[in-house]
N, C-alpha and C. Protein backbone atom coordinates (compact mmCIF):
# COMPACT_ATOMS: atom_id res chain seq x y z
N UNK A 1 19.56 118.75 -114.83
CA UNK A 1 18.50 120.07 -114.38
C UNK A 1 19.00 121.28 -115.16
N UNK A 2 18.42 121.92 -115.77
CA UNK A 2 18.72 123.24 -116.54
C UNK A 2 18.54 124.58 -115.51
N UNK A 3 19.94 125.50 -115.74
CA UNK A 3 20.10 126.53 -114.61
C UNK A 3 19.78 127.76 -115.72
N UNK A 4 19.14 128.77 -114.74
CA UNK A 4 18.81 129.86 -115.07
C UNK A 4 20.22 131.31 -114.28
N UNK A 5 20.11 132.07 -115.14
CA UNK A 5 21.07 133.09 -114.52
C UNK A 5 20.44 134.53 -114.61
N UNK A 6 20.65 135.07 -113.29
CA UNK A 6 20.62 136.85 -113.35
C UNK A 6 22.09 137.43 -113.21
N UNK A 7 22.25 138.24 -114.18
CA UNK A 7 23.57 138.90 -114.47
C UNK A 7 23.53 140.11 -114.31
N UNK A 8 24.51 140.73 -114.16
CA UNK A 8 24.88 142.42 -114.09
C UNK A 8 26.09 142.54 -114.71
N UNK A 9 26.11 143.10 -115.96
CA UNK A 9 26.89 143.72 -117.11
C UNK A 9 27.20 145.28 -116.35
N UNK A 10 28.59 145.79 -116.94
CA UNK A 10 28.88 146.82 -116.61
C UNK A 10 28.98 147.44 -117.91
N UNK A 11 28.24 148.28 -118.50
CA UNK A 11 28.42 149.07 -119.69
C UNK A 11 29.61 149.71 -119.75
N UNK A 12 30.25 150.15 -120.94
CA UNK A 12 31.39 150.90 -121.36
C UNK A 12 30.93 152.65 -120.88
N UNK A 13 29.67 152.91 -120.45
CA UNK A 13 29.53 154.29 -120.12
C UNK A 13 29.30 154.19 -118.54
N UNK A 14 29.36 153.07 -117.96
CA UNK A 14 29.57 153.03 -116.33
C UNK A 14 28.19 152.92 -115.91
N UNK A 15 27.38 152.35 -116.89
CA UNK A 15 25.74 152.24 -115.94
C UNK A 15 25.86 150.67 -116.07
N UNK A 16 24.75 150.02 -115.44
CA UNK A 16 24.82 148.53 -115.28
C UNK A 16 23.30 148.26 -116.06
N UNK A 17 23.54 146.82 -116.41
CA UNK A 17 22.47 146.26 -117.11
C UNK A 17 22.14 145.16 -116.44
N UNK A 18 21.19 144.73 -116.28
CA UNK A 18 20.40 143.64 -115.39
C UNK A 18 19.56 142.50 -115.91
N UNK A 19 20.27 141.63 -116.08
CA UNK A 19 19.06 140.15 -117.31
C UNK A 19 19.28 139.01 -116.91
N UNK A 20 18.54 138.00 -117.61
CA UNK A 20 18.08 137.19 -117.00
C UNK A 20 18.06 135.98 -118.75
N UNK A 21 18.79 135.05 -118.42
CA UNK A 21 18.80 134.14 -119.05
C UNK A 21 19.05 132.64 -118.79
N UNK A 22 19.14 131.56 -119.69
CA UNK A 22 19.59 130.52 -119.27
C UNK A 22 20.96 130.09 -120.06
N UNK A 23 21.51 130.70 -120.99
CA UNK A 23 22.62 130.68 -121.53
C UNK A 23 23.56 132.04 -121.35
N UNK A 24 24.14 132.01 -120.37
CA UNK A 24 25.10 133.02 -119.72
C UNK A 24 25.94 133.34 -120.80
N UNK A 25 26.90 132.78 -121.23
CA UNK A 25 27.64 132.74 -122.11
C UNK A 25 27.54 133.26 -123.64
N UNK A 26 26.18 132.49 -124.14
CA UNK A 26 25.64 133.23 -125.34
C UNK A 26 25.13 134.28 -125.09
N UNK A 27 24.54 134.80 -123.85
CA UNK A 27 23.66 136.02 -123.87
C UNK A 27 24.81 137.43 -123.85
N UNK A 28 25.96 136.98 -123.09
CA UNK A 28 27.07 138.27 -122.99
C UNK A 28 27.39 138.36 -124.54
N UNK A 29 27.79 137.43 -125.30
CA UNK A 29 28.39 137.40 -126.50
C UNK A 29 27.31 138.36 -127.39
N UNK A 30 25.68 138.02 -127.11
CA UNK A 30 24.88 138.71 -128.25
C UNK A 30 24.74 140.13 -127.52
N UNK A 31 24.76 140.42 -126.22
CA UNK A 31 25.13 141.87 -125.66
C UNK A 31 26.95 142.62 -126.63
N UNK A 32 27.23 141.81 -126.44
CA UNK A 32 28.88 142.53 -126.79
C UNK A 32 28.93 142.54 -128.46
N UNK A 33 28.23 141.75 -129.09
CA UNK A 33 28.08 141.88 -130.71
C UNK A 33 27.29 142.84 -131.07
N UNK A 34 26.13 143.46 -130.72
CA UNK A 34 25.04 144.06 -130.69
C UNK A 34 24.02 143.58 -131.94
N UNK A 35 24.01 142.05 -131.80
CA UNK A 35 22.89 141.42 -131.66
C UNK A 35 21.47 142.34 -131.79
N UNK A 36 20.85 142.73 -131.11
CA UNK A 36 19.93 143.56 -130.87
C UNK A 36 20.16 144.87 -130.69
N UNK A 37 19.59 145.85 -131.80
CA UNK A 37 20.08 146.91 -132.10
C UNK A 37 19.06 147.91 -131.20
N UNK A 38 17.83 147.15 -130.48
CA UNK A 38 16.95 148.10 -129.70
C UNK A 38 17.31 147.66 -128.28
N UNK A 39 18.44 147.18 -127.93
CA UNK A 39 18.90 146.75 -126.35
C UNK A 39 19.45 147.86 -125.93
N UNK A 40 19.11 147.95 -124.48
CA UNK A 40 20.12 148.96 -123.75
C UNK A 40 21.42 149.04 -123.84
N UNK A 41 22.00 147.67 -123.97
CA UNK A 41 23.44 147.87 -124.11
C UNK A 41 23.89 147.99 -125.66
N UNK A 42 23.46 148.17 -126.92
CA UNK A 42 23.90 148.30 -128.16
C UNK A 42 24.78 149.49 -128.50
N UNK A 43 24.63 150.33 -127.58
CA UNK A 43 25.39 151.80 -127.57
C UNK A 43 26.19 151.81 -126.50
N UNK A 44 26.37 150.97 -125.43
CA UNK A 44 27.23 151.22 -124.37
C UNK A 44 28.23 150.06 -124.43
N UNK A 45 28.33 149.66 -125.67
CA UNK A 45 29.01 148.37 -126.04
C UNK A 45 30.86 148.87 -125.75
N UNK A 46 31.75 147.88 -125.10
CA UNK A 46 31.48 146.70 -124.97
C UNK A 46 31.06 146.60 -123.19
N UNK A 47 30.84 145.47 -123.10
CA UNK A 47 30.12 145.28 -122.10
C UNK A 47 30.58 144.34 -121.26
N UNK A 48 30.46 144.07 -119.92
CA UNK A 48 31.58 143.32 -118.65
C UNK A 48 30.87 142.48 -117.75
N UNK A 49 30.93 141.15 -117.78
CA UNK A 49 30.02 140.58 -116.83
C UNK A 49 30.47 141.02 -115.26
N UNK A 50 29.98 141.14 -114.71
CA UNK A 50 30.61 141.90 -113.18
C UNK A 50 29.62 140.74 -112.08
N UNK A 51 28.63 140.22 -112.35
CA UNK A 51 28.08 139.64 -111.35
C UNK A 51 26.92 138.61 -112.16
N UNK A 52 26.91 137.75 -111.52
CA UNK A 52 25.81 136.58 -111.62
C UNK A 52 25.44 135.47 -110.66
N UNK A 53 24.26 135.04 -110.62
CA UNK A 53 23.99 134.25 -109.36
C UNK A 53 22.97 133.40 -110.27
N UNK A 54 23.07 131.86 -110.30
CA UNK A 54 22.38 130.80 -110.98
C UNK A 54 21.33 129.99 -109.92
N UNK A 55 20.21 129.74 -110.73
CA UNK A 55 19.00 129.19 -110.17
C UNK A 55 18.52 128.01 -110.60
N UNK A 56 17.51 127.21 -110.17
CA UNK A 56 17.39 126.40 -111.10
C UNK A 56 15.82 126.32 -111.02
N UNK A 57 14.99 127.14 -110.33
CA UNK A 57 14.04 127.47 -110.71
C UNK A 57 13.99 129.00 -111.54
N UNK A 58 13.24 128.98 -112.40
CA UNK A 58 12.89 130.52 -113.47
C UNK A 58 12.33 131.20 -112.79
N UNK A 59 11.39 131.01 -111.76
CA UNK A 59 10.34 131.77 -111.15
C UNK A 59 11.16 132.92 -110.31
N UNK A 60 12.38 132.09 -109.35
CA UNK A 60 12.88 133.04 -108.37
C UNK A 60 14.34 133.81 -108.95
N UNK A 61 14.70 133.07 -110.29
CA UNK A 61 15.91 134.20 -110.71
C UNK A 61 14.83 135.13 -111.37
N UNK A 62 13.62 134.86 -112.18
CA UNK A 62 12.87 136.27 -112.60
C UNK A 62 12.48 137.40 -111.78
N UNK A 63 12.35 136.77 -110.25
CA UNK A 63 12.13 137.57 -108.79
C UNK A 63 13.17 138.43 -108.69
N UNK A 64 14.41 137.59 -108.49
CA UNK A 64 15.60 138.24 -108.10
C UNK A 64 15.90 139.44 -109.17
N UNK A 65 15.99 139.07 -110.45
CA UNK A 65 16.29 140.18 -111.74
C UNK A 65 15.33 141.36 -111.34
N UNK A 66 13.92 141.22 -111.12
CA UNK A 66 13.16 142.42 -110.93
C UNK A 66 13.66 142.94 -109.65
N UNK A 67 14.35 142.35 -108.91
CA UNK A 67 14.41 143.15 -107.60
C UNK A 67 15.32 144.07 -107.78
N UNK A 68 16.32 143.36 -108.21
CA UNK A 68 17.87 144.08 -108.74
C UNK A 68 17.50 145.39 -109.64
N UNK A 69 16.82 145.04 -110.35
CA UNK A 69 16.68 146.18 -111.94
C UNK A 69 15.89 147.72 -110.69
N UNK A 70 15.17 147.34 -109.33
CA UNK A 70 14.82 148.58 -109.03
C UNK A 70 15.82 149.21 -108.16
N UNK A 71 17.12 148.50 -107.72
CA UNK A 71 18.15 148.88 -106.53
C UNK A 71 18.71 150.06 -107.57
N UNK A 72 19.08 151.13 -106.06
CA UNK A 72 20.26 152.13 -106.81
C UNK A 72 21.80 151.38 -107.20
N UNK A 73 22.41 152.35 -108.01
CA UNK A 73 23.84 152.05 -108.64
C UNK A 73 24.67 151.49 -107.38
N UNK A 74 24.55 152.64 -106.21
CA UNK A 74 25.32 152.16 -105.31
C UNK A 74 25.27 150.49 -104.54
N UNK A 75 23.87 150.64 -104.33
CA UNK A 75 23.42 149.14 -103.85
C UNK A 75 23.53 147.72 -104.83
N UNK A 76 23.76 148.20 -106.13
CA UNK A 76 24.21 146.88 -107.09
C UNK A 76 25.57 146.77 -106.99
N UNK A 77 26.39 147.96 -106.41
CA UNK A 77 27.74 147.83 -106.47
C UNK A 77 28.35 147.04 -105.41
N UNK A 78 27.71 147.33 -104.42
CA UNK A 78 27.34 146.42 -103.20
C UNK A 78 27.49 144.72 -103.52
N UNK A 79 26.33 144.61 -103.71
CA UNK A 79 26.14 143.39 -104.38
C UNK A 79 27.37 142.48 -105.41
N UNK A 80 27.64 143.78 -106.05
CA UNK A 80 28.93 143.28 -106.72
C UNK A 80 30.16 142.99 -106.21
N UNK A 81 30.49 143.63 -105.37
CA UNK A 81 31.54 143.68 -104.70
C UNK A 81 31.55 142.76 -103.19
N UNK A 82 30.41 142.37 -103.06
CA UNK A 82 30.23 141.26 -102.22
C UNK A 82 29.96 141.80 -100.83
N UNK A 83 29.73 142.83 -100.92
CA UNK A 83 29.60 143.95 -99.72
C UNK A 83 27.89 143.70 -99.03
N UNK A 84 28.04 142.39 -98.92
CA UNK A 84 26.48 142.15 -98.50
C UNK A 84 26.28 142.89 -97.03
N UNK A 85 27.00 143.21 -96.32
CA UNK A 85 26.32 143.55 -94.82
C UNK A 85 25.99 145.21 -95.40
N UNK A 86 26.49 145.82 -96.90
CA UNK A 86 26.02 147.05 -96.80
C UNK A 86 24.78 147.32 -97.23
N UNK A 87 24.14 146.04 -98.08
CA UNK A 87 22.67 146.13 -98.63
C UNK A 87 21.82 146.68 -97.67
N UNK A 88 22.15 146.40 -96.60
CA UNK A 88 20.52 146.65 -95.34
C UNK A 88 20.91 148.38 -95.54
N UNK A 89 21.58 148.61 -95.33
CA UNK A 89 21.95 150.07 -95.17
C UNK A 89 21.60 150.91 -96.16
N UNK A 90 22.16 150.44 -97.05
CA UNK A 90 21.58 150.99 -98.75
C UNK A 90 20.31 151.09 -99.02
N UNK A 91 19.66 149.78 -98.33
CA UNK A 91 18.19 149.73 -98.68
C UNK A 91 16.96 150.66 -97.86
N UNK A 92 17.56 151.00 -96.79
CA UNK A 92 17.05 152.28 -95.70
C UNK A 92 16.58 153.00 -96.49
N UNK A 93 15.12 153.46 -96.28
CA UNK A 93 14.67 154.72 -96.95
C UNK A 93 15.56 155.99 -96.32
N UNK A 94 15.74 156.91 -96.97
CA UNK A 94 16.45 157.99 -96.49
C UNK A 94 15.97 159.22 -96.71
N UNK A 95 14.38 158.91 -97.34
CA UNK A 95 13.85 160.48 -97.26
C UNK A 95 13.32 161.41 -96.09
N UNK A 96 13.38 162.79 -96.17
CA UNK A 96 12.97 163.22 -95.28
C UNK A 96 11.68 163.19 -94.11
N UNK A 97 10.69 162.55 -95.44
CA UNK A 97 9.21 162.26 -94.96
C UNK A 97 9.31 160.98 -94.15
N UNK A 98 10.45 160.18 -94.34
CA UNK A 98 10.03 158.93 -93.56
C UNK A 98 10.21 158.83 -91.99
N UNK A 99 9.26 158.10 -91.39
CA UNK A 99 9.07 158.41 -90.05
C UNK A 99 10.08 158.36 -89.39
N UNK A 100 11.47 157.68 -89.64
CA UNK A 100 12.62 157.34 -89.14
C UNK A 100 13.23 158.52 -88.78
N UNK A 101 13.12 159.54 -89.97
CA UNK A 101 13.93 161.15 -89.89
C UNK A 101 13.01 162.33 -89.70
N UNK A 102 11.82 162.22 -89.16
CA UNK A 102 11.06 162.85 -88.69
C UNK A 102 11.20 163.38 -87.37
N UNK A 103 11.12 164.64 -86.65
CA UNK A 103 11.60 164.99 -85.54
C UNK A 103 10.32 164.58 -84.74
N UNK A 104 10.39 164.25 -83.50
CA UNK A 104 9.34 163.67 -82.72
C UNK A 104 8.96 164.92 -81.82
N UNK A 105 7.52 165.16 -82.19
CA UNK A 105 7.28 166.21 -81.22
C UNK A 105 5.99 165.92 -80.37
N UNK A 106 6.64 164.84 -79.93
CA UNK A 106 5.38 163.99 -79.02
C UNK A 106 6.03 164.38 -77.01
């Protein structure tokens, strides 16, 4: 059965790149070799694989990749370090206009 991977690379400039592939080893080699000159990682090499998750369903992997791409750097770092309990706290809206943070005038 074919496997698919969602991965996070730490770039040389300290940023993170999240991707999806069916061949993890080859994909990381492509990133580090600069195979694609228009890629985000091209000017941020070398890159280091810091997280990956495998899937048997490509649609699940694609959904997970899209979800992670929206995350903050601190939330990605919690996932990378396995601090799963922090993910929920980091996901909460901290905007002053959020109902949780508005003063109760009632």
